[in-house]
């Protein structure tokens, strides 16, 4: 059947709330409260274009604003200043309620641009690039002052050794508490160095508590959404050197047990949020997550490229526990004597050859009692996912005028009765135009839980018309 696309025209709008620091000195280390004082500058009509990209594989979204040369933004906005960017239909934006908020982040670069046209005319504008709040995870380095009093250093190391054990969620929570919280509040200011956030940002995000001074800890504006399933597993983590030379994000990835879990950032109801959840390795898990999927129709989608490929084929799975769990002894699921292991799909190897996927986990047992059942469970879940990965549709979907997408969540295409998980979202807007949204999606299955290749209907259902140009000429 033929499907007409609904080209939506909406009154889209972009608003930027900049919070430039008042102090523009060299910040030479005087540790003054004035260094974090900021004021708000709001820009609306001067913004002529905006683009925002957020993906699950990166801790920090990126953004760019193009502004008319109505002010000298080069001197008004500086790298390091904070910003809140709203991008949505005008009717959906509520500044105080944080509706339509797409970015809470920092400025990376400000540039003045001049372009000479073919007719000799000149156009000028400003571009401002930046990252969202996730950048603070990347710039928070693991470092303590070696010249601090020895008693203070020993206290911090003792706290680390006490907290650095347990399940993945214990580790993530400990790293955030120790290294991201305000060092002054923890009374370890002489040892740890923490990035702070202007009090004006804290208040703009709805912070209610009275704050002394001009700044708060990044910890104070961060919401945490942790899945209870990330408490599975146990590890006695003694090797602090593994995280000593890393930034906070790298360290969290190292302890998150990403074999079965995933860690990423997003704005949830306008609040900076760290999400830590179990991957939907089983079809049943994906269907449970998709219960609240955003529904699209064929008429909503202006472009799509969805399909499957043999580069996602895997037929050999080996799950191994790291040596750090039991001294220098390495073992696998086979040690439990409860499964044929490694898993090999022999029929698949005949068609595609051997395609190996090997994974290692630091959390090889439920508790310190060395219960291997958990490894068997994870291996079964990984087998279900990776041995069928080539049957999961993936690709891109592009829409106009629909802006409420979040990475890690599901969408559903009504006519096809299929669901897809969002891996990345990119919004782009120019003055007078409707917001264009591009989604990178994966985990495409039928809404009833069957794989797309189980649909045996060979008749083309969607997009049965095509267009040729009258000027096309075939030359023999």
Protein backbone atom coordinates (compact mmCIF):
# COMPACT_ATOMS: atom_id res chain seq x y z
CA UNK A 1 0.00 0.00 0.00
CA UNK A 2 1.10 3.62 -0.52
CA UNK A 3 1.65 5.73 2.60
CA UNK A 4 1.67 9.51 2.58
CA UNK A 5 4.19 11.10 4.88
CA UNK A 6 2.89 13.68 7.34
CA UNK A 7 5.29 16.60 6.92
CA UNK A 8 4.84 18.32 10.25
CA UNK A 9 5.24 22.05 10.53
CA UNK A 10 5.60 23.19 14.11
CA UNK A 11 6.63 26.39 15.84
CA UNK A 12 10.01 25.11 17.00
CA UNK A 13 12.20 27.18 19.24
CA UNK A 14 15.64 27.15 20.85
CA UNK A 15 16.45 29.00 24.08
CA UNK A 16 19.88 29.10 25.73
CA UNK A 17 20.45 30.11 29.34
CA UNK A 18 24.16 30.89 29.70
CA UNK A 19 25.77 31.22 33.12
CA UNK A 20 29.09 33.00 32.47
CA UNK A 21 31.49 33.37 35.37
CA UNK A 22 31.97 36.91 36.60
CA UNK A 23 35.65 36.38 37.35
CA UNK A 24 37.75 36.25 34.17
CA UNK A 25 41.18 36.28 35.77
CA UNK A 26 43.87 33.68 35.26
CA UNK A 27 42.56 31.72 38.30
CA UNK A 28 46.04 31.28 39.70
CA UNK A 29 45.09 29.11 42.66
CA UNK A 30 43.92 31.53 45.35
CA UNK A 31 40.93 29.23 46.04
CA UNK A 32 38.50 32.13 46.38
CA UNK A 33 34.74 31.74 46.44
CA UNK A 34 34.43 34.50 43.86
CA UNK A 35 35.93 32.22 41.19
CA UNK A 36 32.59 30.35 40.92
CA UNK A 37 30.23 33.33 40.95
CA UNK A 38 28.09 33.51 37.81
CA UNK A 39 25.14 35.37 36.34
CA UNK A 40 22.50 34.33 33.82
CA UNK A 41 22.31 35.58 30.23
CA UNK A 42 19.35 34.32 28.19
CA UNK A 43 19.45 34.15 24.39
CA UNK A 44 16.45 33.36 22.21
CA UNK A 45 15.94 35.46 19.08
CA UNK A 46 19.70 35.63 18.41
CA UNK A 47 19.92 31.83 17.92
CA UNK A 48 19.52 30.85 14.27
CA UNK A 49 20.55 27.18 14.42
CA UNK A 50 21.05 24.43 16.98
CA UNK A 51 22.26 20.84 16.82
CA UNK A 52 22.48 18.32 19.67
CA UNK A 53 23.79 14.75 19.62
CA UNK A 54 23.49 12.21 22.42
CA UNK A 55 24.61 8.57 22.23
CA UNK A 56 24.63 5.72 24.71
CA UNK A 57 28.28 4.88 24.05
CA UNK A 58 29.56 8.31 25.16
CA UNK A 59 29.25 9.93 28.60
CA UNK A 60 28.78 13.44 27.20
CA UNK A 61 26.34 14.73 24.63
CA UNK A 62 27.62 17.40 22.22
CA UNK A 63 25.94 20.56 21.00
CA UNK A 64 26.44 23.59 18.77
CA UNK A 65 24.64 26.92 18.57
CA UNK A 66 24.83 29.42 15.71
CA UNK A 67 24.01 33.00 16.70
CA UNK A 68 23.47 36.25 14.84
CA UNK A 69 26.20 38.86 15.42
CA UNK A 70 23.96 41.05 17.55
CA UNK A 71 26.41 41.04 20.46
CA UNK A 72 30.09 40.32 20.89
CA UNK A 73 29.53 36.78 22.13
CA UNK A 74 33.26 36.17 21.81
CA UNK A 75 33.76 38.35 24.90
CA UNK A 76 30.49 37.53 26.69
CA UNK A 77 30.66 33.70 26.66
CA UNK A 78 33.86 31.83 27.47
CA UNK A 79 34.99 28.19 27.56
CA UNK A 80 34.04 26.66 30.90
CA UNK A 81 30.82 28.63 31.30
CA UNK A 82 27.70 26.59 32.03
CA UNK A 83 24.59 26.54 29.84
CA UNK A 84 21.08 25.10 29.72
CA UNK A 85 19.60 24.62 26.22
CA UNK A 86 15.90 24.14 25.53
CA UNK A 87 14.90 22.80 22.11
CA UNK A 88 11.29 21.86 21.40
CA UNK A 89 8.01 23.20 20.09
CA UNK A 90 7.21 26.53 21.73
CA UNK A 91 4.12 25.10 23.39
CA UNK A 92 6.21 22.37 25.06
CA UNK A 93 8.87 24.64 26.57
CA UNK A 94 8.53 25.61 30.21
CA UNK A 95 11.71 27.21 31.55
CA UNK A 96 10.99 26.81 35.26
CA UNK A 97 9.56 23.28 34.96
CA UNK A 98 12.57 22.25 32.81
CA UNK A 99 10.27 21.08 29.99
CA UNK A 100 11.95 21.00 26.61
CA UNK A 101 15.39 20.99 28.26
CA UNK A 102 17.89 19.06 26.13
CA UNK A 103 21.30 20.13 27.50
CA UNK A 104 22.80 20.98 30.87
CA UNK A 105 26.46 21.41 30.15
CA UNK A 106 29.53 23.53 29.56
CA UNK A 107 30.97 25.64 26.75
CA UNK A 108 34.03 24.21 25.01
CA UNK A 109 34.66 26.78 22.27
CA UNK A 110 33.42 30.16 21.05
CA UNK A 111 34.22 31.31 17.51
CA UNK A 112 33.51 34.33 15.30
CA UNK A 113 32.96 33.36 11.66
CA UNK A 114 33.14 35.39 8.45
CA UNK A 115 32.25 34.00 5.02
CA UNK A 116 32.66 35.77 1.67
CA UNK A 117 29.96 34.93 -0.87
CA UNK A 118 30.40 34.61 -4.65
CA UNK A 119 28.90 38.06 -5.22
CA UNK A 120 31.36 39.64 -2.81
CA UNK A 121 28.89 39.88 0.04
CA UNK A 122 29.96 38.95 3.56
CA UNK A 123 28.08 36.99 6.21
CA UNK A 124 29.12 36.80 9.84
CA UNK A 125 27.95 34.81 12.84
CA UNK A 126 29.11 33.20 16.05
CA UNK A 127 29.25 29.49 16.80
CA UNK A 128 29.41 28.07 20.30
CA UNK A 129 30.32 24.40 20.81
CA UNK A 130 30.07 22.40 23.99
CA UNK A 131 29.39 19.21 25.91
CA UNK A 132 26.76 18.31 28.44
CA UNK A 133 27.22 17.47 32.12
CA UNK A 134 28.73 14.06 31.31
CA UNK A 135 31.98 15.82 30.48
CA UNK A 136 32.66 16.16 34.21
CA UNK A 137 32.99 12.38 34.45
CA UNK A 138 35.76 12.56 31.85
CA UNK A 139 37.66 15.49 33.36
CA UNK A 140 37.47 14.18 36.94
CA UNK A 141 40.85 12.50 37.27
CA UNK A 142 41.88 10.13 40.03
CA UNK A 143 44.55 12.09 41.83
CA UNK A 144 45.40 12.94 45.39
CA UNK A 145 47.94 15.43 46.61
CA UNK A 146 51.07 13.46 47.59
CA UNK A 147 52.21 16.40 49.75
CA UNK A 148 49.11 16.33 51.95
CA UNK A 149 49.56 15.20 55.57
CA UNK A 150 50.26 11.49 55.69
CA UNK A 151 47.44 10.88 58.15
CA UNK A 152 44.92 12.38 55.72
CA UNK A 153 46.22 10.30 52.80
CA UNK A 154 46.03 7.12 54.86
CA UNK A 155 42.44 7.94 55.82
CA UNK A 156 41.42 8.28 52.16
CA UNK A 157 43.18 5.06 51.14
CA UNK A 158 41.56 3.22 54.04
CA UNK A 159 38.15 4.47 52.89
CA UNK A 160 38.88 3.30 49.37
CA UNK A 161 39.90 -0.15 50.51
CA UNK A 162 36.79 -0.41 52.65
CA UNK A 163 34.40 0.68 49.88
CA UNK A 164 36.08 -1.03 46.91
CA UNK A 165 34.40 -4.40 47.28
CA UNK A 166 30.99 -5.91 46.72
CA UNK A 167 28.70 -5.86 43.68
CA UNK A 168 28.94 -3.54 40.64
CA UNK A 169 26.45 -1.08 42.09
CA UNK A 170 28.52 -0.87 45.28
CA UNK A 171 31.60 0.03 43.24
CA UNK A 172 29.86 2.70 41.14
CA UNK A 173 28.31 4.27 44.22
CA UNK A 174 31.64 4.28 46.07
CA UNK A 175 33.52 5.93 43.21
CA UNK A 176 30.91 8.68 42.89
CA UNK A 177 30.73 9.26 46.64
CA UNK A 178 34.47 9.43 47.16
CA UNK A 179 35.74 11.18 44.05
CA UNK A 180 32.80 13.28 42.85
CA UNK A 181 31.44 14.60 46.13
CA UNK A 182 32.66 17.90 47.45
CA UNK A 183 36.09 17.26 48.95
CA UNK A 184 35.50 19.99 51.53
CA UNK A 185 32.32 18.29 52.76
CA UNK A 186 34.21 15.01 53.06
CA UNK A 187 37.00 16.78 54.97
CA UNK A 188 39.57 15.53 52.47
CA UNK A 189 40.07 18.85 50.69
CA UNK A 190 43.85 18.53 51.09
CA UNK A 191 43.87 15.27 49.16
CA UNK A 192 41.09 15.14 46.56
CA UNK A 193 40.23 17.77 43.98
CA UNK A 194 36.56 17.92 42.89
CA UNK A 195 34.91 19.79 40.03
CA UNK A 196 32.20 22.18 41.24
CA UNK A 197 29.06 23.64 39.66
CA UNK A 198 27.85 27.26 39.95
CA UNK A 199 25.10 27.74 42.52
CA UNK A 200 23.04 29.45 39.81
CA UNK A 201 22.86 26.14 37.88
CA UNK A 202 21.85 24.28 41.03
CA UNK A 203 19.03 26.77 41.63
CA UNK A 204 17.93 26.75 37.97
CA UNK A 205 17.58 22.96 38.18
CA UNK A 206 15.25 23.30 41.15
CA UNK A 207 17.72 22.95 44.02
CA UNK A 208 15.93 23.87 47.23
CA UNK A 209 18.58 23.65 49.92
CA UNK A 210 20.35 26.82 50.97
CA UNK A 211 23.92 26.83 49.73
CA UNK A 212 26.77 28.68 51.36
CA UNK A 213 29.09 30.26 48.86
CA UNK A 214 28.79 30.40 45.09
CA UNK A 215 29.17 26.71 44.14
CA UNK A 216 27.93 23.20 44.85
CA UNK A 217 29.39 19.78 44.14
CA UNK A 218 28.51 18.15 40.82
CA UNK A 219 27.21 15.38 43.07
CA UNK A 220 24.45 17.76 44.23
CA UNK A 221 22.84 18.11 40.78
CA UNK A 222 23.26 14.48 39.72
CA UNK A 223 20.35 12.04 39.89
CA UNK A 224 21.08 8.31 39.92
CA UNK A 225 18.86 5.72 38.26
CA UNK A 226 20.25 2.33 39.25
CA UNK A 227 18.63 -0.99 38.33
CA UNK A 228 18.51 -3.54 41.16
CA UNK A 229 19.84 -6.18 38.72
CA UNK A 230 23.21 -4.35 38.75
CA UNK A 231 23.69 -5.70 42.27
CA UNK A 232 24.34 -9.17 40.87
CA UNK A 233 27.86 -10.46 41.40
CA UNK A 234 30.59 -9.98 43.98
CA UNK A 235 34.22 -8.98 43.81
CA UNK A 236 36.86 -8.33 46.43
CA UNK A 237 38.71 -5.52 44.69
CA UNK A 238 42.18 -5.03 46.14
CA UNK A 239 44.09 -3.60 43.20
CA UNK A 240 43.57 0.19 43.49
CA UNK A 241 46.20 0.78 40.80
CA UNK A 242 43.66 -0.20 38.17
CA UNK A 243 41.71 3.00 38.78
CA UNK A 244 44.51 5.27 39.94
CA UNK A 245 45.54 6.38 36.44
CA UNK A 246 42.03 6.73 34.99
CA UNK A 247 39.38 9.40 34.82
CA UNK A 248 36.13 8.80 36.65
CA UNK A 249 34.21 7.56 33.61
CA UNK A 250 36.90 5.04 32.64
CA UNK A 251 37.09 3.80 36.21
CA UNK A 252 33.33 3.36 36.43
CA UNK A 253 33.31 1.43 33.17
CA UNK A 254 36.01 -0.86 34.56
CA UNK A 255 33.92 -1.82 37.59
CA UNK A 256 30.42 -1.74 36.01
CA UNK A 257 30.57 -5.34 34.72
CA UNK A 258 29.67 -4.18 31.22
CA UNK A 259 29.54 -7.80 30.08
CA UNK A 260 25.90 -7.74 31.20
CA UNK A 261 25.35 -4.15 32.42
CA UNK A 262 25.38 -0.72 30.79
CA UNK A 263 26.24 2.71 32.15
CA UNK A 264 25.29 5.95 30.41
CA UNK A 265 24.07 9.51 31.03
CA UNK A 266 20.90 11.33 30.00
CA UNK A 267 18.53 14.11 31.02
CA UNK A 268 15.46 12.62 32.71
CA UNK A 269 12.64 15.09 33.37
CA UNK A 270 15.20 17.83 32.95
CA UNK A 271 17.59 16.44 35.56
CA UNK A 272 21.18 15.25 34.85
CA UNK A 273 21.00 11.51 35.42
CA UNK A 274 23.45 8.64 35.57
CA UNK A 275 21.75 5.42 34.42
CA UNK A 276 23.10 2.03 35.45
CA UNK A 277 21.04 -0.92 34.31
CA UNK A 278 21.14 -4.50 33.13
CA UNK A 279 21.34 -4.93 29.37
CA UNK A 280 18.23 -6.47 27.80
CA UNK A 281 20.05 -9.64 26.74
CA UNK A 282 16.89 -11.75 26.78
CA UNK A 283 13.90 -11.12 24.54
CA UNK A 284 11.66 -11.13 27.59
CA UNK A 285 13.73 -8.29 29.10
CA UNK A 286 13.43 -6.24 25.91
CA UNK A 287 9.65 -6.72 25.80
CA UNK A 288 9.40 -5.61 29.42
CA UNK A 289 11.39 -2.43 28.68
CA UNK A 290 9.28 -1.77 25.55
CA UNK A 291 5.95 -1.59 27.40
CA UNK A 292 6.19 2.21 27.43
CA UNK A 293 7.62 2.52 23.91
CA UNK A 294 6.94 5.69 21.92
CA UNK A 295 4.68 4.71 19.02
CA UNK A 296 5.44 5.99 15.53
CA UNK A 297 3.42 5.46 12.37
CA UNK A 298 4.74 5.02 8.85
CA UNK A 299 3.47 8.52 8.15
CA UNK A 300 5.71 9.96 10.89
CA UNK A 301 8.90 8.54 9.38
CA UNK A 302 10.41 10.60 6.58
CA UNK A 303 13.50 8.43 6.08
CA UNK A 304 14.60 5.04 7.33
CA UNK A 305 17.35 2.52 6.73
CA UNK A 306 16.73 -0.70 8.66
CA UNK A 307 18.18 -4.11 8.08
CA UNK A 308 20.34 -7.00 9.25
CA UNK A 309 23.84 -8.09 8.28
CA UNK A 310 26.18 -11.04 8.65
CA UNK A 311 28.82 -8.96 10.46
CA UNK A 312 26.63 -9.39 13.56
CA UNK A 313 26.92 -13.20 13.33
CA UNK A 314 28.50 -14.94 16.33
CA UNK A 315 28.49 -18.68 17.00
CA UNK A 316 31.21 -19.21 19.64
CA UNK A 317 30.77 -17.83 23.16
CA UNK A 318 33.37 -18.04 25.90
CA UNK A 319 32.75 -16.34 29.25
CA UNK A 320 35.71 -16.24 31.59
CA UNK A 321 36.21 -14.78 35.05
CA UNK A 322 39.16 -12.47 35.50
CA UNK A 323 42.22 -13.59 37.42
CA UNK A 324 41.68 -10.86 39.99
CA UNK A 325 38.82 -12.80 41.53
CA UNK A 326 40.80 -15.74 42.95
CA UNK A 327 44.44 -14.80 43.04
CA UNK A 328 46.11 -16.01 39.85
CA UNK A 329 43.58 -18.74 39.10
CA UNK A 330 41.48 -18.29 35.98
CA UNK A 331 38.34 -20.32 35.48
CA UNK A 332 35.26 -20.42 33.27
CA UNK A 333 31.66 -21.52 33.43
CA UNK A 334 32.91 -25.02 32.69
CA UNK A 335 34.22 -25.14 36.26
CA UNK A 336 30.64 -25.33 37.48
CA UNK A 337 30.11 -28.58 35.52
CA UNK A 338 26.58 -27.44 34.73
CA UNK A 339 26.84 -26.53 31.08
CA UNK A 340 28.50 -27.62 27.90
CA UNK A 341 31.04 -24.91 27.43
CA UNK A 342 32.16 -22.96 25.51
CA UNK A 343 28.92 -22.62 23.60
CA UNK A 344 29.32 -23.34 19.88
CA UNK A 345 26.57 -23.11 17.25
CA UNK A 346 27.78 -25.86 14.92
CA UNK A 347 25.07 -25.32 12.28
CA UNK A 348 26.01 -21.65 12.14
CA UNK A 349 29.69 -22.42 11.74
CA UNK A 350 28.89 -24.50 8.63
CA UNK A 351 27.31 -21.46 6.99
CA UNK A 352 29.38 -18.56 8.30
CA UNK A 353 32.55 -20.10 9.67
CA UNK A 354 33.64 -19.71 13.27
CA UNK A 355 32.70 -16.27 14.66
CA UNK A 356 34.04 -15.90 18.20
CA UNK A 357 32.94 -13.63 20.99
CA UNK A 358 34.82 -13.82 24.28
CA UNK A 359 33.98 -11.89 27.43
CA UNK A 360 35.57 -11.50 30.85
CA UNK A 361 33.91 -10.53 34.11
CA UNK A 362 35.32 -9.47 37.49
CA UNK A 363 32.17 -10.66 39.22
CA UNK A 364 32.28 -14.43 38.80
CA UNK A 365 30.19 -15.46 41.76
CA UNK A 366 27.21 -14.27 43.78
CA UNK A 367 29.02 -13.81 47.08
CA UNK A 368 32.40 -14.50 48.60
CA UNK A 369 31.33 -18.15 48.91
CA UNK A 370 32.21 -18.85 45.24
CA UNK A 371 28.76 -19.72 43.92
CA UNK A 372 29.23 -20.29 40.16
CA UNK A 373 25.51 -20.40 39.28
CA UNK A 374 25.58 -16.73 38.35
CA UNK A 375 28.22 -17.32 35.66
CA UNK A 376 26.05 -20.02 34.14
CA UNK A 377 23.06 -17.65 34.13
CA UNK A 378 25.04 -14.87 32.45
CA UNK A 379 26.46 -17.27 29.87
CA UNK A 380 22.94 -18.43 28.95
CA UNK A 381 21.75 -14.83 28.59
CA UNK A 382 24.76 -13.85 26.49
CA UNK A 383 24.25 -16.86 24.28
CA UNK A 384 20.62 -15.92 23.61
CA UNK A 385 21.63 -12.39 22.64
CA UNK A 386 24.88 -12.88 20.69
CA UNK A 387 23.86 -16.04 18.83
CA UNK A 388 20.83 -14.13 17.54
CA UNK A 389 22.43 -10.69 17.10
CA UNK A 390 22.36 -11.04 13.30
CA UNK A 391 18.58 -11.45 13.49
CA UNK A 392 18.08 -8.10 15.26
CA UNK A 393 17.30 -5.21 12.92
CA UNK A 394 19.33 -2.02 13.23
CA UNK A 395 19.79 1.21 11.31
CA UNK A 396 18.45 4.78 11.28
CA UNK A 397 15.02 6.39 11.51
CA UNK A 398 14.39 10.07 10.81
CA UNK A 399 11.32 12.05 11.81
CA UNK A 400 10.10 15.66 11.93
CA UNK A 401 8.41 17.38 14.83
CA UNK A 402 8.67 14.52 17.35
CA UNK A 403 11.25 15.40 19.98
CA UNK A 404 10.66 13.36 23.15
CA UNK A 405 13.12 10.51 22.54
CA UNK A 406 15.59 9.14 25.09
CA UNK A 407 18.56 6.88 24.48
CA UNK A 408 18.19 3.38 25.89
CA UNK A 409 14.40 3.42 25.49
CA UNK A 410 12.23 1.72 22.86
CA UNK A 411 10.09 2.95 19.99
CA UNK A 412 7.40 1.01 18.14
CA UNK A 413 6.44 1.32 14.48
CA UNK A 414 2.71 0.70 14.49
CA UNK A 415 2.06 -0.70 11.02
CA UNK A 416 5.08 -2.97 11.09
CA UNK A 417 4.36 -4.04 14.69
CA UNK A 418 8.08 -3.89 15.42
CA UNK A 419 10.07 -2.38 18.27
CA UNK A 420 13.56 -0.86 18.26
CA UNK A 421 15.91 0.36 20.96
CA UNK A 422 17.38 3.86 20.64
CA UNK A 423 21.19 3.93 20.66
CA UNK A 424 21.63 7.61 19.76
CA UNK A 425 19.55 10.73 19.15
CA UNK A 426 20.49 13.74 17.05
CA UNK A 427 18.36 16.88 16.92
CA UNK A 428 18.94 19.69 14.41
CA UNK A 429 17.04 22.93 13.96
CA UNK A 430 17.30 26.13 11.95
CA UNK A 431 15.27 29.29 12.47
CA UNK A 432 11.82 28.96 10.92
CA UNK A 433 12.13 25.21 10.46
CA UNK A 434 10.72 22.17 12.26
CA UNK A 435 13.10 20.17 14.45
CA UNK A 436 14.63 17.26 12.55
CA UNK A 437 15.38 14.14 14.63
CA UNK A 438 17.62 11.27 13.58
CA UNK A 439 17.66 8.05 15.60
CA UNK A 440 20.20 5.25 15.49
CA UNK A 441 18.37 2.12 16.59
CA UNK A 442 19.05 -1.54 17.29
CA UNK A 443 17.43 -4.60 18.84
CA UNK A 444 14.73 -4.61 16.16
CA UNK A 445 12.25 -7.43 16.76
CA UNK A 446 8.55 -8.02 16.25
CA UNK A 447 6.38 -6.67 19.05
CA UNK A 448 5.30 -10.21 19.96
CA UNK A 449 8.91 -11.15 20.69
CA UNK A 450 9.72 -13.08 17.53
CA UNK A 451 12.65 -12.20 15.30
CA UNK A 452 12.04 -10.29 12.08
CA UNK A 453 13.18 -13.25 9.95
CA UNK A 454 10.26 -15.24 11.35
CA UNK A 455 7.90 -13.09 9.29
CA UNK A 456 7.38 -15.34 6.24
CA UNK A 457 5.21 -12.95 4.22
CA UNK A 458 7.12 -12.23 0.99
CA UNK A 459 4.69 -9.57 -0.24
CA UNK A 460 5.93 -6.00 -0.02
CA UNK A 461 3.67 -4.18 2.41
CA UNK A 462 5.14 -0.72 2.74
CA UNK A 463 6.27 1.87 0.23
CA UNK A 464 5.10 0.07 -2.93
CA UNK A 465 5.49 3.09 -5.21
CA UNK A 466 8.62 4.43 -6.85
CA UNK A 467 9.46 7.43 -8.99
CA UNK A 468 11.63 7.73 -12.10
CA UNK A 469 12.76 10.95 -13.74
CA UNK A 470 11.30 11.73 -17.13
CA UNK A 471 14.72 12.87 -18.27
CA UNK A 472 16.30 9.48 -17.59
CA UNK A 473 17.69 8.08 -20.86
CA UNK A 474 19.22 4.66 -21.36
CA UNK A 475 22.23 4.62 -23.63
CA UNK A 476 23.16 1.34 -25.28
